[in-house]
Amino acid sequence: FFGEMAILSGGPRQADVVSLTYCRLLLLRRTDFERFLAANPDVKGEINRIAEARLSLNQEDAERTAESVSD
């Protein structure tokens, strides 16, 4: 899957995806996703926990990259 952070934050997607073979894509609209989360608060909490962890890892990666560039 891809675009998951954008659907959570409402921001732009941060990655491009290229398929090397035939694939089937499915679209999940933000409004449908929000409706699903409203009906499933336990799932919403778990998704938010995972998203926060991923954002933290991304921030740590960015800081390490910035440090290595400045050295």
PDB file of N, CA and C in Angstrom:
ATOM      1  N   PHE A   1       0.841  -1.182   0.000  1.00  0.00           N
ATOM      2  CA  PHE A   1       0.000   0.000   0.000  1.00  0.00           C
ATOM      3  C   PHE A   1       0.877   1.233   0.000  1.00  0.00           C
ATOM      4  N   PHE A   2       0.309   2.325  -0.443  1.00  0.00           N
ATOM      5  CA  PHE A   2       1.038   3.592  -0.479  1.00  0.00           C
ATOM      6  C   PHE A   2       0.037   4.719  -0.352  1.00  0.00           C
ATOM      7  N   GLY A   3       0.512   5.864   0.092  1.00  0.00           N
ATOM      8  CA  GLY A   3      -0.360   7.021   0.287  1.00  0.00           C
ATOM      9  C   GLY A   3      -1.050   7.049   1.633  1.00  0.00           C
ATOM     10  N   GLU A   4      -0.689   6.097   2.506  1.00  0.00           N
ATOM     11  CA  GLU A   4      -1.386   5.991   3.784  1.00  0.00           C
ATOM     12  C   GLU A   4      -1.144   7.192   4.691  1.00  0.00           C
ATOM     13  N   MET A   5       0.052   7.743   4.665  1.00  0.00           N
ATOM     14  CA  MET A   5       0.320   8.893   5.526  1.00  0.00           C
ATOM     15  C   MET A   5      -0.434  10.123   5.022  1.00  0.00           C
ATOM     16  N   ALA A   6      -0.589  10.240   3.731  1.00  0.00           N
ATOM     17  CA  ALA A   6      -1.315  11.379   3.165  1.00  0.00           C
ATOM     18  C   ALA A   6      -2.795  11.320   3.518  1.00  0.00           C
ATOM     19  N   ILE A   7      -3.367  10.126   3.504  1.00  0.00           N
ATOM     20  CA  ILE A   7      -4.796  10.027   3.829  1.00  0.00           C
ATOM     21  C   ILE A   7      -5.023  10.339   5.305  1.00  0.00           C
ATOM     22  N   LEU A   8      -4.039  10.053   6.137  1.00  0.00           N
ATOM     23  CA  LEU A   8      -4.164  10.364   7.560  1.00  0.00           C
ATOM     24  C   LEU A   8      -3.964  11.843   7.847  1.00  0.00           C
ATOM     25  N   SER A   9      -2.995  12.447   7.176  1.00  0.00           N
ATOM     26  CA  SER A   9      -2.651  13.841   7.471  1.00  0.00           C
ATOM     27  C   SER A   9      -3.404  14.851   6.617  1.00  0.00           C
ATOM     28  N   GLY A  10      -3.907  14.403   5.476  1.00  0.00           N
ATOM     29  CA  GLY A  10      -4.543  15.326   4.553  1.00  0.00           C
ATOM     30  C   GLY A  10      -3.547  16.056   3.676  1.00  0.00           C
ATOM     31  N   GLY A  11      -2.275  15.753   3.855  1.00  0.00           N
ATOM     32  CA  GLY A  11      -1.226  16.400   3.068  1.00  0.00           C
ATOM     33  C   GLY A  11      -0.950  15.654   1.776  1.00  0.00           C
ATOM     34  N   PRO A  12       0.016  16.135   1.022  1.00  0.00           N
ATOM     35  CA  PRO A  12       0.361  15.471  -0.242  1.00  0.00           C
ATOM     36  C   PRO A  12       1.109  14.165   0.016  1.00  0.00           C
ATOM     37  N   ARG A  13       1.028  13.268  -0.941  1.00  0.00           N
ATOM     38  CA  ARG A  13       1.795  12.022  -0.845  1.00  0.00           C
ATOM     39  C   ARG A  13       3.272  12.344  -0.963  1.00  0.00           C
ATOM     40  N   GLN A  14       4.089  11.568  -0.283  1.00  0.00           N
ATOM     41  CA  GLN A  14       5.524  11.827  -0.236  1.00  0.00           C
ATOM     42  C   GLN A  14       6.337  10.873  -1.100  1.00  0.00           C
ATOM     43  N   ALA A  15       5.663   9.984  -1.832  1.00  0.00           N
ATOM     44  CA  ALA A  15       6.403   8.992  -2.617  1.00  0.00           C
ATOM     45  C   ALA A  15       5.712   8.765  -3.949  1.00  0.00           C
ATOM     46  N   ASP A  16       6.496   8.356  -4.911  1.00  0.00           N
ATOM     47  CA  ASP A  16       5.977   7.913  -6.200  1.00  0.00           C
ATOM     48  C   ASP A  16       6.088   6.395  -6.236  1.00  0.00           C
ATOM     49  N   VAL A  17       5.198   5.767  -6.972  1.00  0.00           N
ATOM     50  CA  VAL A  17       5.206   4.313  -7.078  1.00  0.00           C
ATOM     51  C   VAL A  17       5.192   3.939  -8.541  1.00  0.00           C
ATOM     52  N   VAL A  18       6.030   2.975  -8.901  1.00  0.00           N
ATOM     53  CA  VAL A  18       6.083   2.461 -10.265  1.00  0.00           C
ATOM     54  C   VAL A  18       5.926   0.951 -10.195  1.00  0.00           C
ATOM     55  N   SER A  19       5.023   0.420 -10.972  1.00  0.00           N
ATOM     56  CA  SER A  19       4.816  -1.023 -11.013  1.00  0.00           C
ATOM     57  C   SER A  19       5.697  -1.642 -12.089  1.00  0.00           C
ATOM     58  N   LEU A  20       6.346  -2.742 -11.753  1.00  0.00           N
ATOM     59  CA  LEU A  20       7.166  -3.460 -12.725  1.00  0.00           C
ATOM     60  C   LEU A  20       6.354  -4.498 -13.489  1.00  0.00           C
ATOM     61  N   THR A  21       5.170  -4.810 -12.989  1.00  0.00           N
ATOM     62  CA  THR A  21       4.289  -5.776 -13.642  1.00  0.00           C
ATOM     63  C   THR A  21       2.865  -5.241 -13.604  1.00  0.00           C
ATOM     64  N   TYR A  22       1.962  -5.962 -14.247  1.00  0.00           N
ATOM     65  CA  TYR A  22       0.548  -5.621 -14.196  1.00  0.00           C
ATOM     66  C   TYR A  22       0.099  -5.633 -12.743  1.00  0.00           C
ATOM     67  N   CYS A  23      -0.742  -4.679 -12.386  1.00  0.00           N
ATOM     68  CA  CYS A  23      -1.282  -4.670 -11.028  1.00  0.00           C
ATOM     69  C   CYS A  23      -2.689  -4.091 -11.041  1.00  0.00           C
ATOM     70  N   ARG A  24      -3.400  -4.373 -10.007  1.00  0.00           N
ATOM     71  CA  ARG A  24      -4.740  -3.822  -9.819  1.00  0.00           C
ATOM     72  C   ARG A  24      -4.658  -2.838  -8.658  1.00  0.00           C
ATOM     73  N   LEU A  25      -5.129  -1.638  -8.886  1.00  0.00           N
ATOM     74  CA  LEU A  25      -5.098  -0.602  -7.856  1.00  0.00           C
ATOM     75  C   LEU A  25      -6.497  -0.379  -7.308  1.00  0.00           C
ATOM     76  N   LEU A  26      -6.569  -0.133  -6.042  1.00  0.00           N
ATOM     77  CA  LEU A  26      -7.829   0.185  -5.387  1.00  0.00           C
ATOM     78  C   LEU A  26      -7.721   1.586  -4.799  1.00  0.00           C
ATOM     79  N   LEU A  27      -8.783   2.323  -4.873  1.00  0.00           N
ATOM     80  CA  LEU A  27      -8.818   3.695  -4.374  1.00  0.00           C
ATOM     81  C   LEU A  27      -9.630   3.742  -3.088  1.00  0.00           C
ATOM     82  N   LEU A  28      -9.082   4.363  -2.079  1.00  0.00           N
ATOM     83  CA  LEU A  28      -9.803   4.590  -0.836  1.00  0.00           C
ATOM     84  C   LEU A  28      -9.928   6.098  -0.658  1.00  0.00           C
ATOM     85  N   ARG A  29     -11.133   6.587  -0.786  1.00  0.00           N
ATOM     86  CA  ARG A  29     -11.363   8.025  -0.645  1.00  0.00           C
ATOM     87  C   ARG A  29     -11.289   8.425   0.827  1.00  0.00           C
ATOM     88  N   ARG A  30     -10.782   9.619   1.049  1.00  0.00           N
ATOM     89  CA  ARG A  30     -10.608  10.100   2.422  1.00  0.00           C
ATOM     90  C   ARG A  30     -11.932  10.098   3.185  1.00  0.00           C
ATOM     91  N   THR A  31     -13.010  10.510   2.548  1.00  0.00           N
ATOM     92  CA  THR A  31     -14.307  10.550   3.232  1.00  0.00           C
ATOM     93  C   THR A  31     -14.747   9.150   3.660  1.00  0.00           C
ATOM     94  N   ASP A  32     -14.521   8.157   2.815  1.00  0.00           N
ATOM     95  CA  ASP A  32     -14.869   6.777   3.173  1.00  0.00           C
ATOM     96  C   ASP A  32     -13.994   6.280   4.324  1.00  0.00           C
ATOM     97  N   PHE A  33     -12.714   6.622   4.271  1.00  0.00           N
ATOM     98  CA  PHE A  33     -11.793   6.220   5.327  1.00  0.00           C
ATOM     99  C   PHE A  33     -12.196   6.858   6.652  1.00  0.00           C
ATOM    100  N   GLU A  34     -12.538   8.135   6.638  1.00  0.00           N
ATOM    101  CA  GLU A  34     -12.957   8.822   7.859  1.00  0.00           C
ATOM    102  C   GLU A  34     -14.238   8.213   8.419  1.00  0.00           C
ATOM    103  N   ARG A  35     -15.165   7.847   7.543  1.00  0.00           N
ATOM    104  CA  ARG A  35     -16.404   7.210   7.982  1.00  0.00           C
ATOM    105  C   ARG A  35     -16.098   5.861   8.646  1.00  0.00           C
ATOM    106  N   PHE A  36     -15.189   5.105   8.037  1.00  0.00           N
ATOM    107  CA  PHE A  36     -14.783   3.822   8.606  1.00  0.00           C
ATOM    108  C   PHE A  36     -14.162   4.012   9.991  1.00  0.00           C
ATOM    109  N   LEU A  37     -13.269   4.988  10.121  1.00  0.00           N
ATOM    110  CA  LEU A  37     -12.615   5.228  11.409  1.00  0.00           C
ATOM    111  C   LEU A  37     -13.612   5.673  12.473  1.00  0.00           C
ATOM    112  N   ALA A  38     -14.591   6.479  12.085  1.00  0.00           N
ATOM    113  CA  ALA A  38     -15.601   6.929  13.039  1.00  0.00           C
ATOM    114  C   ALA A  38     -16.416   5.750  13.572  1.00  0.00           C
ATOM    115  N   ALA A  39     -16.644   4.764  12.722  1.00  0.00           N
ATOM    116  CA  ALA A  39     -17.411   3.586  13.121  1.00  0.00           C
ATOM    117  C   ALA A  39     -16.558   2.553  13.853  1.00  0.00           C
ATOM    118  N   ASN A  40     -15.238   2.718  13.815  1.00  0.00           N
ATOM    119  CA  ASN A  40     -14.317   1.744  14.406  1.00  0.00           C
ATOM    120  C   ASN A  40     -13.235   2.460  15.214  1.00  0.00           C
ATOM    121  N   PRO A  41     -13.584   2.998  16.378  1.00  0.00           N
ATOM    122  CA  PRO A  41     -12.624   3.792  17.145  1.00  0.00           C
ATOM    123  C   PRO A  41     -11.378   3.012  17.573  1.00  0.00           C
ATOM    124  N   ASP A  42     -11.490   1.707  17.797  1.00  0.00           N
ATOM    125  CA  ASP A  42     -10.304   0.920  18.165  1.00  0.00           C
ATOM    126  C   ASP A  42      -9.308   0.879  17.016  1.00  0.00           C
ATOM    127  N   VAL A  43      -9.824   0.734  15.808  1.00  0.00           N
ATOM    128  CA  VAL A  43      -8.962   0.725  14.625  1.00  0.00           C
ATOM    129  C   VAL A  43      -8.321   2.097  14.459  1.00  0.00           C
ATOM    130  N   LYS A  44      -9.106   3.141  14.675  1.00  0.00           N
ATOM    131  CA  LYS A  44      -8.575   4.501  14.554  1.00  0.00           C
ATOM    132  C   LYS A  44      -7.409   4.715  15.517  1.00  0.00           C
ATOM    133  N   GLY A  45      -7.558   4.261  16.754  1.00  0.00           N
ATOM    134  CA  GLY A  45      -6.484   4.412  17.728  1.00  0.00           C
ATOM    135  C   GLY A  45      -5.226   3.671  17.317  1.00  0.00           C
ATOM    136  N   GLU A  46      -5.382   2.462  16.811  1.00  0.00           N
ATOM    137  CA  GLU A  46      -4.223   1.676  16.382  1.00  0.00           C
ATOM    138  C   GLU A  46      -3.545   2.308  15.171  1.00  0.00           C
ATOM    139  N   ILE A  47      -4.328   2.778  14.220  1.00  0.00           N
ATOM    140  CA  ILE A  47      -3.757   3.432  13.038  1.00  0.00           C
ATOM    141  C   ILE A  47      -3.016   4.701  13.444  1.00  0.00           C
ATOM    142  N   ASN A  48      -3.592   5.470  14.344  1.00  0.00           N
ATOM    143  CA  ASN A  48      -2.913   6.683  14.813  1.00  0.00           C
ATOM    144  C   ASN A  48      -1.603   6.346  15.521  1.00  0.00           C
ATOM    145  N   ARG A  49      -1.596   5.271  16.307  1.00  0.00           N
ATOM    146  CA  ARG A  49      -0.375   4.860  17.004  1.00  0.00           C
ATOM    147  C   ARG A  49       0.717   4.488  16.002  1.00  0.00           C
ATOM    148  N   ILE A  50       0.355   3.720  14.982  1.00  0.00           N
ATOM    149  CA  ILE A  50       1.318   3.310  13.959  1.00  0.00           C
ATOM    150  C   ILE A  50       1.816   4.522  13.176  1.00  0.00           C
ATOM    151  N   ALA A  51       0.908   5.425  12.835  1.00  0.00           N
ATOM    152  CA  ALA A  51       1.294   6.621  12.072  1.00  0.00           C
ATOM    153  C   ALA A  51       2.255   7.493  12.877  1.00  0.00           C
ATOM    154  N   GLU A  52       1.993   7.659  14.164  1.00  0.00           N
ATOM    155  CA  GLU A  52       2.890   8.461  15.002  1.00  0.00           C
ATOM    156  C   GLU A  52       4.273   7.823  15.085  1.00  0.00           C
ATOM    157  N   ALA A  53       4.323   6.503  15.197  1.00  0.00           N
ATOM    158  CA  ALA A  53       5.614   5.808  15.241  1.00  0.00           C
ATOM    159  C   ALA A  53       6.362   5.986  13.928  1.00  0.00           C
ATOM    160  N   ARG A  54       5.643   5.892  12.824  1.00  0.00           N
ATOM    161  CA  ARG A  54       6.283   6.054  11.518  1.00  0.00           C
ATOM    162  C   ARG A  54       6.799   7.484  11.341  1.00  0.00           C
ATOM    163  N   LEU A  55       6.018   8.459  11.756  1.00  0.00           N
ATOM    164  CA  LEU A  55       6.471   9.849  11.664  1.00  0.00           C
ATOM    165  C   LEU A  55       7.721  10.077  12.509  1.00  0.00           C
ATOM    166  N   SER A  56       7.753   9.473  13.677  1.00  0.00           N
ATOM    167  CA  SER A  56       8.922   9.602  14.541  1.00  0.00           C
ATOM    168  C   SER A  56      10.157   8.995  13.879  1.00  0.00           C
ATOM    169  N   LEU A  57      10.002   7.819  13.271  1.00  0.00           N
ATOM    170  CA  LEU A  57      11.123   7.187  12.564  1.00  0.00           C
ATOM    171  C   LEU A  57      11.581   8.039  11.385  1.00  0.00           C
ATOM    172  N   ASN A  58      10.624   8.600  10.653  1.00  0.00           N
ATOM    173  CA  ASN A  58      10.975   9.458   9.519  1.00  0.00           C
ATOM    174  C   ASN A  58      11.745  10.687   9.984  1.00  0.00           C
ATOM    175  N   GLN A  59      11.335  11.252  11.109  1.00  0.00           N
ATOM    176  CA  GLN A  59      12.026  12.424  11.658  1.00  0.00           C
ATOM    177  C   GLN A  59      13.450  12.060  12.069  1.00  0.00           C
ATOM    178  N   GLU A  60      13.600  10.899  12.707  1.00  0.00           N
ATOM    179  CA  GLU A  60      14.940  10.452  13.108  1.00  0.00           C
ATOM    180  C   GLU A  60      15.828  10.237  11.887  1.00  0.00           C
ATOM    181  N   ASP A  61      15.276   9.632  10.833  1.00  0.00           N
ATOM    182  CA  ASP A  61      16.041   9.433   9.596  1.00  0.00           C
ATOM    183  C   ASP A  61      16.472  10.767   9.000  1.00  0.00           C
ATOM    184  N   ALA A  62      15.559  11.735   8.997  1.00  0.00           N
ATOM    185  CA  ALA A  62      15.870  13.054   8.440  1.00  0.00           C
ATOM    186  C   ALA A  62      16.975  13.731   9.251  1.00  0.00           C
ATOM    187  N   GLU A  63      16.920  13.597  10.565  1.00  0.00           N
ATOM    188  CA  GLU A  63      17.950  14.206  11.416  1.00  0.00           C
ATOM    189  C   GLU A  63      19.312  13.553  11.182  1.00  0.00           C
ATOM    190  N   ARG A  64      19.345  12.226  11.046  1.00  0.00           N
ATOM    191  CA  ARG A  64      20.612  11.539  10.771  1.00  0.00           C
ATOM    192  C   ARG A  64      21.174  11.959   9.420  1.00  0.00           C
ATOM    193  N   THR A  65      20.298  12.095   8.435  1.00  0.00           N
ATOM    194  CA  THR A  65      20.738  12.526   7.106  1.00  0.00           C
ATOM    195  C   THR A  65      21.307  13.936   7.174  1.00  0.00           C
ATOM    196  N   ALA A  66      20.625  14.822   7.883  1.00  0.00           N
ATOM    197  CA  ALA A  66      21.102  16.203   8.012  1.00  0.00           C
ATOM    198  C   ALA A  66      22.457  16.247   8.714  1.00  0.00           C
ATOM    199  N   GLU A  67      22.637  15.414   9.729  1.00  0.00           N
ATOM    200  CA  GLU A  67      23.918  15.377  10.439  1.00  0.00           C
ATOM    201  C   GLU A  67      25.041  14.890   9.532  1.00  0.00           C
ATOM    202  N   SER A  68      24.761  13.858   8.737  1.00  0.00           N
ATOM    203  CA  SER A  68      25.811  13.314   7.867  1.00  0.00           C
ATOM    204  C   SER A  68      26.160  14.284   6.744  1.00  0.00           C
ATOM    205  N   VAL A  69      25.204  15.072   6.299  1.00  0.00           N
ATOM    206  CA  VAL A  69      25.463  16.059   5.244  1.00  0.00           C
ATOM    207  C   VAL A  69      26.289  17.215   5.795  1.00  0.00           C
ATOM    208  N   SER A  70      26.023  17.604   7.045  1.00  0.00           N
ATOM    209  CA  SER A  70      26.737  18.750   7.619  1.00  0.00           C
ATOM    210  C   SER A  70      28.155  18.397   8.072  1.00  0.00           C
ATOM    211  N   ASP A  71      28.451  17.115   8.214  1.00  0.00           N
ATOM    212  CA  ASP A  71      29.803  16.703   8.651  1.00  0.00           C
ATOM    213  C   ASP A  71      30.831  16.826   7.572  1.00  0.00           C
TER     214      ASP A  71
END
